Amino acid sequence: MINACGYSRVVTQFFYNRGLSEPSQIEAFVAADDRLAADPALLPDMHAAVGRIYRALLSGEKIAIYGDFDTDGITATALLVQGLSVLNCRVVPYIPHRLTEGYGIKTAALEAFSQQGISLVITVDCGITAVAEVKQAHKLGLDIIITDHHIPPAETPSALAVINPKLPGSRYPFTELAGVGVALKLLQALFQGMGKEKQLSELIDLVALGTVADMTPLLGENRYLVNQGLKLINASPRLGLREMMTQSGLNITSLDSGVISWTIAPRLNAAGRLAHAMSSYRLLTTDSPQEARELAIWLEQKNVERQNLTSKTQTKARDYVLARGLTPLLFVTDPDFPT
């Protein structure tokens, strides 16, 4: 392998430690190109999901995108809303409140959808455990398409479609997509069927943000998606993202995965932790310079507040341990600690 690829033993060991042992694998890893991507049709229930969305488009049905309040969920929600809007679907976003609603599909939200005339709900980054909630959705006349990347339980929901690369029997060759990555594959299948796949590349920045923020391994298809997304971000950053970097006060000339992990993701996550994640969603999707600036300033303030709360929590936990002379490895809980 060393002779075939021309790399030193140290670099070759680096590749081997990442499960890359064939020259073709190493070449694709270094290039980070579309050889690392796979056909979305290989994902479970993709055909059923695409067919149902086409039907909703043709009949003018309202579609809700049900997301999560972390950066992966926020970017996945934005991706599907903006992508389906390109196809002229009637689509609305929904992200639950972290403290008052919690993670996952909630019956109250489904009931509200039904009252609003929504007939199709697509989840992103959640839903794989929502067995009871999907049954309730059926009673309300709602069709559910689940896109998720979390490990499936023994019993999965009886949704119209469940798209998850980790499902038993899945033929998809890469199982480590983030929630936003799974959402992208759904859009990719839709866009391919309508001859609009080139337009999908304009949304790849969202996939890079969510994939890195969710700390998924940057191997296989994730490596390709993040590479493409970073190119777009650095060439033509979204209005809200550009304003966020300005308000951070950091002199960053080139955005990479480290900047996403340590600068962007904490700020986007701060909204969901201390208020509502829809503020971060709005920042990523706004076309208004004034709104982008106002939201970026607000998020910067929330991030400082988050940092202060974290510092106070750490100090309180440290004082608790030291005052009692306890052993070094401990987990400290307190009702006042923020989630």
C-alpha atoms as a PDB file:
ATOM      1  CA  MET A   1       0.000   0.000   0.000  1.00  0.00           C
ATOM      2  CA  ILE A   2       2.851   2.400   0.811  1.00  0.00           C
ATOM      3  CA  ASN A   3       4.388   1.900  -2.622  1.00  0.00           C
ATOM      4  CA  ALA A   4       1.033   2.114  -4.380  1.00  0.00           C
ATOM      5  CA  CYS A   5       0.008   5.397  -2.722  1.00  0.00           C
ATOM      6  CA  GLY A   6       3.395   7.062  -2.283  1.00  0.00           C
ATOM      7  CA  TYR A   7       2.858   7.976   1.386  1.00  0.00           C
ATOM      8  CA  SER A   8       5.280   7.537   4.286  1.00  0.00           C
ATOM      9  CA  ARG A   9       4.755   4.877   6.923  1.00  0.00           C
ATOM     10  CA  VAL A  10       3.503   7.465   9.431  1.00  0.00           C
ATOM     11  CA  VAL A  11       0.861   8.808   7.048  1.00  0.00           C
ATOM     12  CA  THR A  12      -0.061   5.293   5.969  1.00  0.00           C
ATOM     13  CA  GLN A  13      -0.615   4.345   9.614  1.00  0.00           C
ATOM     14  CA  PHE A  14      -2.859   7.416   9.932  1.00  0.00           C
ATOM     15  CA  PHE A  15      -5.008   6.105   7.083  1.00  0.00           C
ATOM     16  CA  TYR A  16      -5.044   2.578   8.466  1.00  0.00           C
ATOM     17  CA  ASN A  17      -6.202   3.827  11.881  1.00  0.00           C
ATOM     18  CA  ARG A  18      -9.218   5.319  10.105  1.00  0.00           C
ATOM     19  CA  GLY A  19     -10.141   2.049   8.451  1.00  0.00           C
ATOM     20  CA  LEU A  20      -8.549   2.892   5.100  1.00  0.00           C
ATOM     21  CA  SER A  21      -6.431   0.046   3.771  1.00  0.00           C
ATOM     22  CA  GLU A  22      -6.945   0.097  -0.009  1.00  0.00           C
ATOM     23  CA  PRO A  23      -5.301   2.607  -2.367  1.00  0.00           C
ATOM     24  CA  SER A  24      -8.695   3.489  -3.867  1.00  0.00           C
ATOM     25  CA  GLN A  25     -10.070   4.270  -0.394  1.00  0.00           C
ATOM     26  CA  ILE A  26      -7.118   6.505   0.428  1.00  0.00           C
ATOM     27  CA  GLU A  27      -7.337   8.323  -2.892  1.00  0.00           C
ATOM     28  CA  ALA A  28     -11.051   9.052  -2.337  1.00  0.00           C
ATOM     29  CA  PHE A  29     -10.397  10.159   1.263  1.00  0.00           C
ATOM     30  CA  VAL A  30      -7.728  12.645   0.200  1.00  0.00           C
ATOM     31  CA  ALA A  31      -9.783  13.965  -2.719  1.00  0.00           C
ATOM     32  CA  ALA A  32     -12.959  14.162  -0.585  1.00  0.00           C
ATOM     33  CA  ASP A  33     -15.007  14.114  -3.790  1.00  0.00           C
ATOM     34  CA  ASP A  34     -18.303  12.558  -4.848  1.00  0.00           C
ATOM     35  CA  ARG A  35     -16.803   9.076  -4.956  1.00  0.00           C
ATOM     36  CA  LEU A  36     -17.574   9.086  -1.227  1.00  0.00           C
ATOM     37  CA  ALA A  37     -21.294   9.748  -1.834  1.00  0.00           C
ATOM     38  CA  ALA A  38     -23.933   7.060  -2.320  1.00  0.00           C
ATOM     39  CA  ASP A  39     -27.254   6.758  -4.139  1.00  0.00           C
ATOM     40  CA  PRO A  40     -30.112   8.067  -1.936  1.00  0.00           C
ATOM     41  CA  ALA A  41     -32.356   5.328  -3.341  1.00  0.00           C
ATOM     42  CA  LEU A  42     -30.387   2.833  -1.227  1.00  0.00           C
ATOM     43  CA  LEU A  43     -31.877   4.301   1.963  1.00  0.00           C
ATOM     44  CA  PRO A  44     -34.924   2.517   3.404  1.00  0.00           C
ATOM     45  CA  ASP A  45     -38.374   3.780   2.318  1.00  0.00           C
ATOM     46  CA  MET A  46     -36.930   6.472   0.068  1.00  0.00           C
ATOM     47  CA  HIS A  47     -39.246   5.633  -2.828  1.00  0.00           C
ATOM     48  CA  ALA A  48     -42.341   5.881  -0.618  1.00  0.00           C
ATOM     49  CA  ALA A  49     -41.195   9.197   0.876  1.00  0.00           C
ATOM     50  CA  VAL A  50     -40.454  10.784  -2.499  1.00  0.00           C
ATOM     51  CA  GLY A  51     -43.777   9.633  -3.922  1.00  0.00           C
ATOM     52  CA  ARG A  52     -45.731  11.096  -1.005  1.00  0.00           C
ATOM     53  CA  ILE A  53     -43.946  14.459  -1.224  1.00  0.00           C
ATOM     54  CA  TYR A  54     -44.578  14.632  -4.970  1.00  0.00           C
ATOM     55  CA  ARG A  55     -48.259  14.016  -4.279  1.00  0.00           C
ATOM     56  CA  ALA A  56     -48.294  16.795  -1.679  1.00  0.00           C
ATOM     57  CA  LEU A  57     -46.634  19.152  -4.153  1.00  0.00           C
ATOM     58  CA  LEU A  58     -49.112  18.411  -6.930  1.00  0.00           C
ATOM     59  CA  SER A  59     -52.167  18.753  -4.683  1.00  0.00           C
ATOM     60  CA  GLY A  60     -50.928  21.849  -2.848  1.00  0.00           C
ATOM     61  CA  GLU A  61     -50.872  20.222   0.596  1.00  0.00           C
ATOM     62  CA  LYS A  62     -49.204  21.940   3.540  1.00  0.00           C
ATOM     63  CA  ILE A  63     -46.078  20.199   4.832  1.00  0.00           C
ATOM     64  CA  ALA A  64     -44.546  20.676   8.285  1.00  0.00           C
ATOM     65  CA  ILE A  65     -40.853  20.055   8.916  1.00  0.00           C
ATOM     66  CA  TYR A  66     -40.450  18.898  12.527  1.00  0.00           C
ATOM     67  CA  GLY A  67     -36.900  19.494  13.733  1.00  0.00           C
ATOM     68  CA  ASP A  68     -34.744  19.445  16.833  1.00  0.00           C
ATOM     69  CA  PHE A  69     -33.231  22.301  18.832  1.00  0.00           C
ATOM     70  CA  ASP A  70     -29.523  21.543  18.359  1.00  0.00           C
ATOM     71  CA  THR A  71     -27.456  22.734  15.405  1.00  0.00           C
ATOM     72  CA  ASP A  72     -27.930  19.471  13.510  1.00  0.00           C
ATOM     73  CA  GLY A  73     -31.698  19.725  13.880  1.00  0.00           C
ATOM     74  CA  ILE A  74     -31.800  23.455  13.127  1.00  0.00           C
ATOM     75  CA  THR A  75     -29.755  23.121   9.937  1.00  0.00           C
ATOM     76  CA  ALA A  76     -31.752  20.063   8.847  1.00  0.00           C
ATOM     77  CA  THR A  77     -34.989  22.008   9.321  1.00  0.00           C
ATOM     78  CA  ALA A  78     -33.640  24.946   7.323  1.00  0.00           C
ATOM     79  CA  LEU A  79     -32.366  22.589   4.617  1.00  0.00           C
ATOM     80  CA  LEU A  80     -35.721  20.898   4.038  1.00  0.00           C
ATOM     81  CA  VAL A  81     -37.750  24.103   4.266  1.00  0.00           C
ATOM     82  CA  GLN A  82     -35.532  25.922   1.787  1.00  0.00           C
ATOM     83  CA  GLY A  83     -35.121  22.882  -0.454  1.00  0.00           C
ATOM     84  CA  LEU A  84     -38.826  22.096  -0.646  1.00  0.00           C
ATOM     85  CA  SER A  85     -39.533  25.780  -1.243  1.00  0.00           C
ATOM     86  CA  VAL A  86     -37.349  25.571  -4.359  1.00  0.00           C
ATOM     87  CA  LEU A  87     -39.762  22.874  -5.568  1.00  0.00           C
ATOM     88  CA  ASN A  88     -42.689  25.204  -4.763  1.00  0.00           C
ATOM     89  CA  CYS A  89     -43.991  23.093  -1.892  1.00  0.00           C
ATOM     90  CA  ARG A  90     -46.102  24.753   0.803  1.00  0.00           C
ATOM     91  CA  VAL A  91     -43.857  24.146   3.793  1.00  0.00           C
ATOM     92  CA  VAL A  92     -43.552  25.440   7.370  1.00  0.00           C
ATOM     93  CA  PRO A  93     -40.829  24.841  10.003  1.00  0.00           C
ATOM     94  CA  TYR A  94     -41.426  23.600  13.531  1.00  0.00           C
ATOM     95  CA  ILE A  95     -38.774  23.266  16.231  1.00  0.00           C
ATOM     96  CA  PRO A  96     -39.934  22.411  19.775  1.00  0.00           C
ATOM     97  CA  HIS A  97     -38.945  24.426  22.828  1.00  0.00           C
ATOM     98  CA  ARG A  98     -36.177  22.619  24.692  1.00  0.00           C
ATOM     99  CA  LEU A  99     -37.534  23.236  28.204  1.00  0.00           C
ATOM    100  CA  THR A 100     -41.320  23.338  27.778  1.00  0.00           C
ATOM    101  CA  GLU A 101     -41.643  20.608  25.123  1.00  0.00           C
ATOM    102  CA  GLY A 102     -38.422  18.624  25.091  1.00  0.00           C
ATOM    103  CA  TYR A 103     -36.910  16.386  22.447  1.00  0.00           C
ATOM    104  CA  GLY A 104     -38.874  14.531  19.803  1.00  0.00           C
ATOM    105  CA  ILE A 105     -42.367  14.498  18.355  1.00  0.00           C
ATOM    106  CA  LYS A 106     -45.077  15.710  20.734  1.00  0.00           C
ATOM    107  CA  THR A 107     -48.796  14.970  20.439  1.00  0.00           C
ATOM    108  CA  ALA A 108     -49.734  18.593  21.164  1.00  0.00           C
ATOM    109  CA  ALA A 109     -47.728  19.735  18.149  1.00  0.00           C
ATOM    110  CA  LEU A 110     -49.379  17.117  15.940  1.00  0.00           C
ATOM    111  CA  GLU A 111     -52.811  18.278  17.066  1.00  0.00           C
ATOM    112  CA  ALA A 112     -51.860  21.855  16.216  1.00  0.00           C
ATOM    113  CA  PHE A 113     -50.695  20.748  12.761  1.00  0.00           C
ATOM    114  CA  SER A 114     -54.028  19.054  12.127  1.00  0.00           C
ATOM    115  CA  GLN A 115     -55.917  22.196  13.128  1.00  0.00           C
ATOM    116  CA  GLN A 116     -53.738  24.265  10.771  1.00  0.00           C
ATOM    117  CA  GLY A 117     -54.634  22.096   7.787  1.00  0.00           C
ATOM    118  CA  ILE A 118     -51.252  20.385   7.570  1.00  0.00           C
ATOM    119  CA  SER A 119     -51.484  16.861   6.149  1.00  0.00           C
ATOM    120  CA  LEU A 120     -47.848  15.744   5.901  1.00  0.00           C
ATOM    121  CA  VAL A 121     -45.153  15.959   8.595  1.00  0.00           C
ATOM    122  CA  ILE A 122     -41.483  15.260   7.857  1.00  0.00           C
ATOM    123  CA  THR A 123     -39.191  14.881  10.850  1.00  0.00           C
ATOM    124  CA  VAL A 124     -35.489  15.692  10.797  1.00  0.00           C
ATOM    125  CA  ASP A 125     -32.961  14.512  13.385  1.00  0.00           C
ATOM    126  CA  CYS A 126     -35.749  12.952  15.460  1.00  0.00           C
ATOM    127  CA  GLY A 127     -38.720  10.598  15.356  1.00  0.00           C
ATOM    128  CA  ILE A 128     -37.159   7.141  15.335  1.00  0.00           C
ATOM    129  CA  THR A 129     -38.573   6.352  18.817  1.00  0.00           C
ATOM    130  CA  ALA A 130     -41.967   8.068  18.372  1.00  0.00           C
ATOM    131  CA  VAL A 131     -44.089   4.911  18.169  1.00  0.00           C
ATOM    132  CA  ALA A 132     -47.069   6.198  20.177  1.00  0.00           C
ATOM    133  CA  GLU A 133     -46.945   9.666  18.645  1.00  0.00           C
ATOM    134  CA  VAL A 134     -47.065   8.313  15.089  1.00  0.00           C
ATOM    135  CA  LYS A 135     -50.090   6.197  15.985  1.00  0.00           C
ATOM    136  CA  GLN A 136     -51.773   9.357  17.251  1.00  0.00           C
ATOM    137  CA  ALA A 137     -50.812  11.140  14.037  1.00  0.00           C
ATOM    138  CA  HIS A 138     -52.685   8.493  12.054  1.00  0.00           C
ATOM    139  CA  LYS A 139     -55.824   9.195  14.089  1.00  0.00           C
ATOM    140  CA  LEU A 140     -55.437  12.894  13.289  1.00  0.00           C
ATOM    141  CA  GLY A 141     -55.185  12.176   9.574  1.00  0.00           C
ATOM    142  CA  LEU A 142     -51.502  13.084   9.336  1.00  0.00           C
ATOM    143  CA  ASP A 143     -48.964  11.224   7.230  1.00  0.00           C
ATOM    144  CA  ILE A 144     -45.510  11.038   8.812  1.00  0.00           C
ATOM    145  CA  ILE A 145     -42.148  10.694   7.081  1.00  0.00           C
ATOM    146  CA  ILE A 146     -39.323  10.159   9.556  1.00  0.00           C
ATOM    147  CA  THR A 147     -35.746  11.086   8.689  1.00  0.00           C
ATOM    148  CA  ASP A 148     -33.353  10.350  11.529  1.00  0.00           C
ATOM    149  CA  HIS A 149     -29.829   9.107  12.167  1.00  0.00           C
ATOM    150  CA  HIS A 150     -30.076   7.862  15.745  1.00  0.00           C
ATOM    151  CA  ILE A 151     -29.873   4.161  16.579  1.00  0.00           C
ATOM    152  CA  PRO A 152     -33.334   2.624  16.052  1.00  0.00           C
ATOM    153  CA  PRO A 153     -35.071   0.869  18.963  1.00  0.00           C
ATOM    154  CA  ALA A 154     -36.459  -2.654  18.666  1.00  0.00           C
ATOM    155  CA  GLU A 155     -39.848  -1.240  17.642  1.00  0.00           C
ATOM    156  CA  THR A 156     -39.893   1.577  15.116  1.00  0.00           C
ATOM    157  CA  PRO A 157     -42.852   3.852  14.322  1.00  0.00           C
ATOM    158  CA  SER A 158     -45.432   2.774  11.743  1.00  0.00           C
ATOM    159  CA  ALA A 159     -44.814   5.886   9.673  1.00  0.00           C
ATOM    160  CA  LEU A 160     -45.435   6.179   5.954  1.00  0.00           C
ATOM    161  CA  ALA A 161     -41.646   6.128   5.562  1.00  0.00           C
ATOM    162  CA  VAL A 162     -38.726   5.761   7.964  1.00  0.00           C
ATOM    163  CA  ILE A 163     -35.444   6.899   6.422  1.00  0.00           C
ATOM    164  CA  ASN A 164     -32.467   6.009   8.591  1.00  0.00           C
ATOM    165  CA  PRO A 165     -29.154   4.489   7.432  1.00  0.00           C
ATOM    166  CA  LYS A 166     -28.881   2.595  10.726  1.00  0.00           C
ATOM    167  CA  LEU A 167     -32.088   0.596  10.229  1.00  0.00           C
ATOM    168  CA  PRO A 168     -31.609  -3.188  10.066  1.00  0.00           C
ATOM    169  CA  GLY A 169     -31.575  -4.262   6.446  1.00  0.00           C
ATOM    170  CA  SER A 170     -30.558  -0.848   5.119  1.00  0.00           C
ATOM    171  CA  ARG A 171     -28.519  -1.116   1.920  1.00  0.00           C
ATOM    172  CA  TYR A 172     -26.957   2.303   2.394  1.00  0.00           C
ATOM    173  CA  PRO A 173     -23.161   1.856   2.611  1.00  0.00           C
ATOM    174  CA  PHE A 174     -22.472   4.700   5.076  1.00  0.00           C
ATOM    175  CA  THR A 175     -24.216   4.707   8.459  1.00  0.00           C
ATOM    176  CA  GLU A 176     -22.678   7.810  10.072  1.00  0.00           C
ATOM    177  CA  LEU A 177     -24.647  10.593   8.392  1.00  0.00           C
ATOM    178  CA  ALA A 178     -25.823  13.370  10.690  1.00  0.00           C
ATOM    179  CA  GLY A 179     -29.511  14.242  10.816  1.00  0.00           C
ATOM    180  CA  VAL A 180     -28.921  16.993   8.272  1.00  0.00           C
ATOM    181  CA  GLY A 181     -27.116  14.473   6.069  1.00  0.00           C
ATOM    182  CA  VAL A 182     -30.131  12.149   6.026  1.00  0.00           C
ATOM    183  CA  ALA A 183     -32.378  15.120   5.228  1.00  0.00           C
ATOM    184  CA  LEU A 184     -30.052  15.997   2.350  1.00  0.00           C
ATOM    185  CA  LYS A 185     -30.402  12.513   0.859  1.00  0.00           C
ATOM    186  CA  LEU A 186     -34.190  12.927   0.822  1.00  0.00           C
ATOM    187  CA  LEU A 187     -33.833  16.253  -0.989  1.00  0.00           C
ATOM    188  CA  GLN A 188     -31.289  14.738  -3.346  1.00  0.00           C
ATOM    189  CA  ALA A 189     -33.744  12.010  -4.366  1.00  0.00           C
ATOM    190  CA  LEU A 190     -36.470  14.619  -4.903  1.00  0.00           C
ATOM    191  CA  PHE A 191     -34.255  16.986  -6.883  1.00  0.00           C
ATOM    192  CA  GLN A 192     -32.889  14.178  -9.061  1.00  0.00           C
ATOM    193  CA  GLY A 193     -36.417  13.171  -9.996  1.00  0.00           C
ATOM    194  CA  MET A 194     -37.224  16.734 -11.079  1.00  0.00           C
ATOM    195  CA  GLY A 195     -33.947  17.537 -12.832  1.00  0.00           C
ATOM    196  CA  LYS A 196     -32.965  20.188 -10.270  1.00  0.00           C
ATOM    197  CA  GLU A 197     -29.982  18.526  -8.598  1.00  0.00           C
ATOM    198  CA  LYS A 198     -27.616  21.416  -9.412  1.00  0.00           C
ATOM    199  CA  GLN A 199     -29.730  23.747  -7.267  1.00  0.00           C
ATOM    200  CA  LEU A 200     -29.170  21.459  -4.292  1.00  0.00           C
ATOM    201  CA  SER A 201     -25.510  22.489  -4.172  1.00  0.00           C
ATOM    202  CA  GLU A 202     -26.616  25.957  -3.017  1.00  0.00           C
ATOM    203  CA  LEU A 203     -27.771  24.440   0.301  1.00  0.00           C
ATOM    204  CA  ILE A 204     -24.737  22.277   1.054  1.00  0.00           C
ATOM    205  CA  ASP A 205     -23.380  24.847   3.539  1.00  0.00           C
ATOM    206  CA  LEU A 206     -26.143  23.869   5.971  1.00  0.00           C
ATOM    207  CA  VAL A 207     -25.054  20.236   5.743  1.00  0.00           C
ATOM    208  CA  ALA A 208     -21.471  21.113   6.655  1.00  0.00           C
ATOM    209  CA  LEU A 209     -22.601  23.142   9.681  1.00  0.00           C
ATOM    210  CA  GLY A 210     -24.864  20.423  11.071  1.00  0.00           C
ATOM    211  CA  THR A 211     -22.518  17.531  10.332  1.00  0.00           C
ATOM    212  CA  VAL A 212     -19.533  19.104  12.089  1.00  0.00           C
ATOM    213  CA  ALA A 213     -21.610  20.465  14.985  1.00  0.00           C
ATOM    214  CA  ASP A 214     -23.054  17.015  15.706  1.00  0.00           C
ATOM    215  CA  MET A 215     -19.527  15.598  15.981  1.00  0.00           C
ATOM    216  CA  THR A 216     -20.130  12.842  13.451  1.00  0.00           C
ATOM    217  CA  PRO A 217     -16.935  11.217  12.130  1.00  0.00           C
ATOM    218  CA  LEU A 218     -15.496  13.136   9.182  1.00  0.00           C
ATOM    219  CA  LEU A 219     -15.062   9.993   7.141  1.00  0.00           C
ATOM    220  CA  GLY A 220     -16.820   8.621   4.082  1.00  0.00           C
ATOM    221  CA  GLU A 221     -19.693  10.703   2.767  1.00  0.00           C
ATOM    222  CA  ASN A 222     -19.484  13.130   5.692  1.00  0.00           C
ATOM    223  CA  ARG A 223     -16.015  14.130   4.548  1.00  0.00           C
ATOM    224  CA  TYR A 224     -17.297  14.906   1.061  1.00  0.00           C
ATOM    225  CA  LEU A 225     -20.329  16.851   2.317  1.00  0.00           C
ATOM    226  CA  VAL A 226     -18.288  18.957   4.743  1.00  0.00           C
ATOM    227  CA  ASN A 227     -15.620  19.640   2.123  1.00  0.00           C
ATOM    228  CA  GLN A 228     -18.245  20.902  -0.332  1.00  0.00           C
ATOM    229  CA  GLY A 229     -20.056  22.892   2.335  1.00  0.00           C
ATOM    230  CA  LEU A 230     -16.919  24.655   3.543  1.00  0.00           C
ATOM    231  CA  LYS A 231     -16.092  25.679  -0.010  1.00  0.00           C
ATOM    232  CA  LEU A 232     -19.513  27.309  -0.349  1.00  0.00           C
ATOM    233  CA  ILE A 233     -19.328  28.993   3.064  1.00  0.00           C
ATOM    234  CA  ASN A 234     -15.936  30.519   2.346  1.00  0.00           C
ATOM    235  CA  ALA A 235     -16.896  31.591  -1.171  1.00  0.00           C
ATOM    236  CA  SER A 236     -20.356  32.953  -0.410  1.00  0.00           C
ATOM    237  CA  PRO A 237     -21.402  32.798   3.267  1.00  0.00           C
ATOM    238  CA  ARG A 238     -25.029  33.207   4.246  1.00  0.00           C
ATOM    239  CA  LEU A 239     -26.036  36.638   5.441  1.00  0.00           C
ATOM    240  CA  GLY A 240     -26.707  35.464   8.995  1.00  0.00           C
ATOM    241  CA  LEU A 241     -23.519  33.434   9.188  1.00  0.00           C
ATOM    242  CA  ARG A 242     -21.440  36.377   8.009  1.00  0.00           C
ATOM    243  CA  GLU A 243     -23.056  38.635  10.596  1.00  0.00           C
ATOM    244  CA  MET A 244     -22.499  36.054  13.336  1.00  0.00           C
ATOM    245  CA  MET A 245     -18.782  35.965  12.580  1.00  0.00           C
ATOM    246  CA  THR A 246     -18.670  39.768  12.694  1.00  0.00           C
ATOM    247  CA  GLN A 247     -20.414  39.919  16.064  1.00  0.00           C
ATOM    248  CA  SER A 248     -18.147  37.219  17.517  1.00  0.00           C
ATOM    249  CA  GLY A 249     -15.279  39.711  17.317  1.00  0.00           C
ATOM    250  CA  LEU A 250     -12.936  37.000  16.076  1.00  0.00           C
ATOM    251  CA  ASN A 251     -10.637  37.729  13.166  1.00  0.00           C
ATOM    252  CA  ILE A 252     -11.353  34.627  11.113  1.00  0.00           C
ATOM    253  CA  THR A 253     -10.310  34.851   7.466  1.00  0.00           C
ATOM    254  CA  SER A 254     -11.120  31.250   6.535  1.00  0.00           C
ATOM    255  CA  LEU A 255     -13.833  29.110   8.079  1.00  0.00           C
ATOM    256  CA  ASP A 256     -13.009  25.446   8.728  1.00  0.00           C
ATOM    257  CA  SER A 257     -14.422  22.594  10.813  1.00  0.00           C
ATOM    258  CA  GLY A 258     -12.688  23.930  13.921  1.00  0.00           C
ATOM    259  CA  VAL A 259     -14.423  27.296  13.580  1.00  0.00           C
ATOM    260  CA  ILE A 260     -17.771  25.519  13.225  1.00  0.00           C
ATOM    261  CA  SER A 261     -17.124  23.411  16.330  1.00  0.00           C
ATOM    262  CA  TRP A 262     -15.796  26.146  18.614  1.00  0.00           C
ATOM    263  CA  THR A 263     -17.383  29.354  17.316  1.00  0.00           C
ATOM    264  CA  ILE A 264     -20.509  28.788  15.242  1.00  0.00           C
ATOM    265  CA  ALA A 265     -22.141  25.728  16.827  1.00  0.00           C
ATOM    266  CA  PRO A 266     -22.010  27.039  20.434  1.00  0.00           C
ATOM    267  CA  ARG A 267     -23.736  30.236  19.351  1.00  0.00           C
ATOM    268  CA  LEU A 268     -26.423  28.435  17.347  1.00  0.00           C
ATOM    269  CA  ASN A 269     -26.975  26.017  20.238  1.00  0.00           C
ATOM    270  CA  ALA A 270     -27.208  28.854  22.772  1.00  0.00           C
ATOM    271  CA  ALA A 271     -30.615  29.883  21.421  1.00  0.00           C
ATOM    272  CA  GLY A 272     -32.137  26.482  22.144  1.00  0.00           C
ATOM    273  CA  ARG A 273     -30.478  26.176  25.532  1.00  0.00           C
ATOM    274  CA  LEU A 274     -31.506  29.567  26.902  1.00  0.00           C
ATOM    275  CA  ALA A 275     -34.499  30.633  24.791  1.00  0.00           C
ATOM    276  CA  HIS A 276     -35.846  29.120  21.555  1.00  0.00           C
ATOM    277  CA  ALA A 277     -33.931  27.505  18.695  1.00  0.00           C
ATOM    278  CA  MET A 278     -36.172  29.191  16.119  1.00  0.00           C
ATOM    279  CA  SER A 279     -34.000  32.287  16.555  1.00  0.00           C
ATOM    280  CA  SER A 280     -31.017  30.374  15.170  1.00  0.00           C
ATOM    281  CA  TYR A 281     -33.199  29.003  12.388  1.00  0.00           C
ATOM    282  CA  ARG A 282     -34.216  32.538  11.451  1.00  0.00           C
ATOM    283  CA  LEU A 283     -30.586  33.687  11.481  1.00  0.00           C
ATOM    284  CA  LEU A 284     -29.636  30.975   8.988  1.00  0.00           C
ATOM    285  CA  THR A 285     -32.561  31.634   6.658  1.00  0.00           C
ATOM    286  CA  THR A 286     -33.084  35.406   6.719  1.00  0.00           C
ATOM    287  CA  ASP A 287     -32.580  37.605   3.674  1.00  0.00           C
ATOM    288  CA  SER A 288     -32.780  40.806   5.729  1.00  0.00           C
ATOM    289  CA  PRO A 289     -29.469  42.468   6.703  1.00  0.00           C
ATOM    290  CA  GLN A 290     -31.157  44.205   9.639  1.00  0.00           C
ATOM    291  CA  GLU A 291     -32.716  41.000  10.976  1.00  0.00           C
ATOM    292  CA  ALA A 292     -29.424  39.148  10.520  1.00  0.00           C
ATOM    293  CA  ARG A 293     -27.565  41.783  12.538  1.00  0.00           C
ATOM    294  CA  GLU A 294     -30.182  41.896  15.311  1.00  0.00           C
ATOM    295  CA  LEU A 295     -30.273  38.096  15.623  1.00  0.00           C
ATOM    296  CA  ALA A 296     -26.477  37.803  15.556  1.00  0.00           C
ATOM    297  CA  ILE A 297     -26.156  40.394  18.348  1.00  0.00           C
ATOM    298  CA  TRP A 298     -28.818  38.590  20.377  1.00  0.00           C
ATOM    299  CA  LEU A 299     -27.122  35.208  19.860  1.00  0.00           C
ATOM    300  CA  GLU A 300     -23.767  36.659  20.895  1.00  0.00           C
ATOM    301  CA  GLN A 301     -25.375  37.869  24.128  1.00  0.00           C
ATOM    302  CA  LYS A 302     -26.942  34.455  24.711  1.00  0.00           C
ATOM    303  CA  ASN A 303     -23.621  32.759  24.115  1.00  0.00           C
ATOM    304  CA  VAL A 304     -21.936  34.974  26.722  1.00  0.00           C
ATOM    305  CA  GLU A 305     -24.774  34.147  29.103  1.00  0.00           C
ATOM    306  CA  ARG A 306     -24.253  30.439  28.381  1.00  0.00           C
ATOM    307  CA  GLN A 307     -20.523  30.750  29.062  1.00  0.00           C
ATOM    308  CA  ASN A 308     -21.185  32.512  32.378  1.00  0.00           C
ATOM    309  CA  LEU A 309     -23.692  29.849  33.439  1.00  0.00           C
ATOM    310  CA  THR A 310     -21.211  27.127  32.533  1.00  0.00           C
ATOM    311  CA  SER A 311     -18.474  28.814  34.566  1.00  0.00           C
ATOM    312  CA  LYS A 312     -20.748  29.237  37.601  1.00  0.00           C
ATOM    313  CA  THR A 313     -21.878  25.620  37.351  1.00  0.00           C
ATOM    314  CA  GLN A 314     -18.295  24.350  37.188  1.00  0.00           C
ATOM    315  CA  THR A 315     -17.292  26.497  40.170  1.00  0.00           C
ATOM    316  CA  LYS A 316     -20.234  25.277  42.217  1.00  0.00           C
ATOM    317  CA  ALA A 317     -19.485  21.642  41.389  1.00  0.00           C
ATOM    318  CA  ARG A 318     -15.773  22.097  42.183  1.00  0.00           C
ATOM    319  CA  ASP A 319     -16.528  23.768  45.526  1.00  0.00           C
ATOM    320  CA  TYR A 320     -18.931  20.964  46.394  1.00  0.00           C
ATOM    321  CA  VAL A 321     -16.270  18.312  45.774  1.00  0.00           C
ATOM    322  CA  LEU A 322     -13.417  20.143  47.528  1.00  0.00           C
ATOM    323  CA  ALA A 323     -15.507  20.928  50.614  1.00  0.00           C
ATOM    324  CA  ARG A 324     -16.215  17.248  51.122  1.00  0.00           C
ATOM    325  CA  GLY A 325     -12.782  15.852  50.285  1.00  0.00           C
ATOM    326  CA  LEU A 326     -14.273  13.523  47.705  1.00  0.00           C
ATOM    327  CA  THR A 327     -12.428  11.447  45.108  1.00  0.00           C
ATOM    328  CA  PRO A 328     -11.418  13.201  41.854  1.00  0.00           C
ATOM    329  CA  LEU A 329     -13.806  11.432  39.439  1.00  0.00           C
ATOM    330  CA  LEU A 330     -17.344  12.467  40.298  1.00  0.00           C
ATOM    331  CA  PHE A 331     -20.585  13.443  38.642  1.00  0.00           C
ATOM    332  CA  VAL A 332     -22.286  16.343  40.402  1.00  0.00           C
ATOM    333  CA  THR A 333     -25.967  17.170  39.890  1.00  0.00           C
ATOM    334  CA  ASP A 334     -28.041  20.054  41.147  1.00  0.00           C
ATOM    335  CA  PRO A 335     -31.563  21.247  40.292  1.00  0.00           C
ATOM    336  CA  ASP A 336     -30.126  24.698  39.520  1.00  0.00           C
ATOM    337  CA  PHE A 337     -27.668  23.437  36.891  1.00  0.00           C
ATOM    338  CA  PRO A 338     -28.808  24.429  33.359  1.00  0.00           C
ATOM    339  CA  THR A 339     -29.444  21.588  30.934  1.00  0.00           C
END
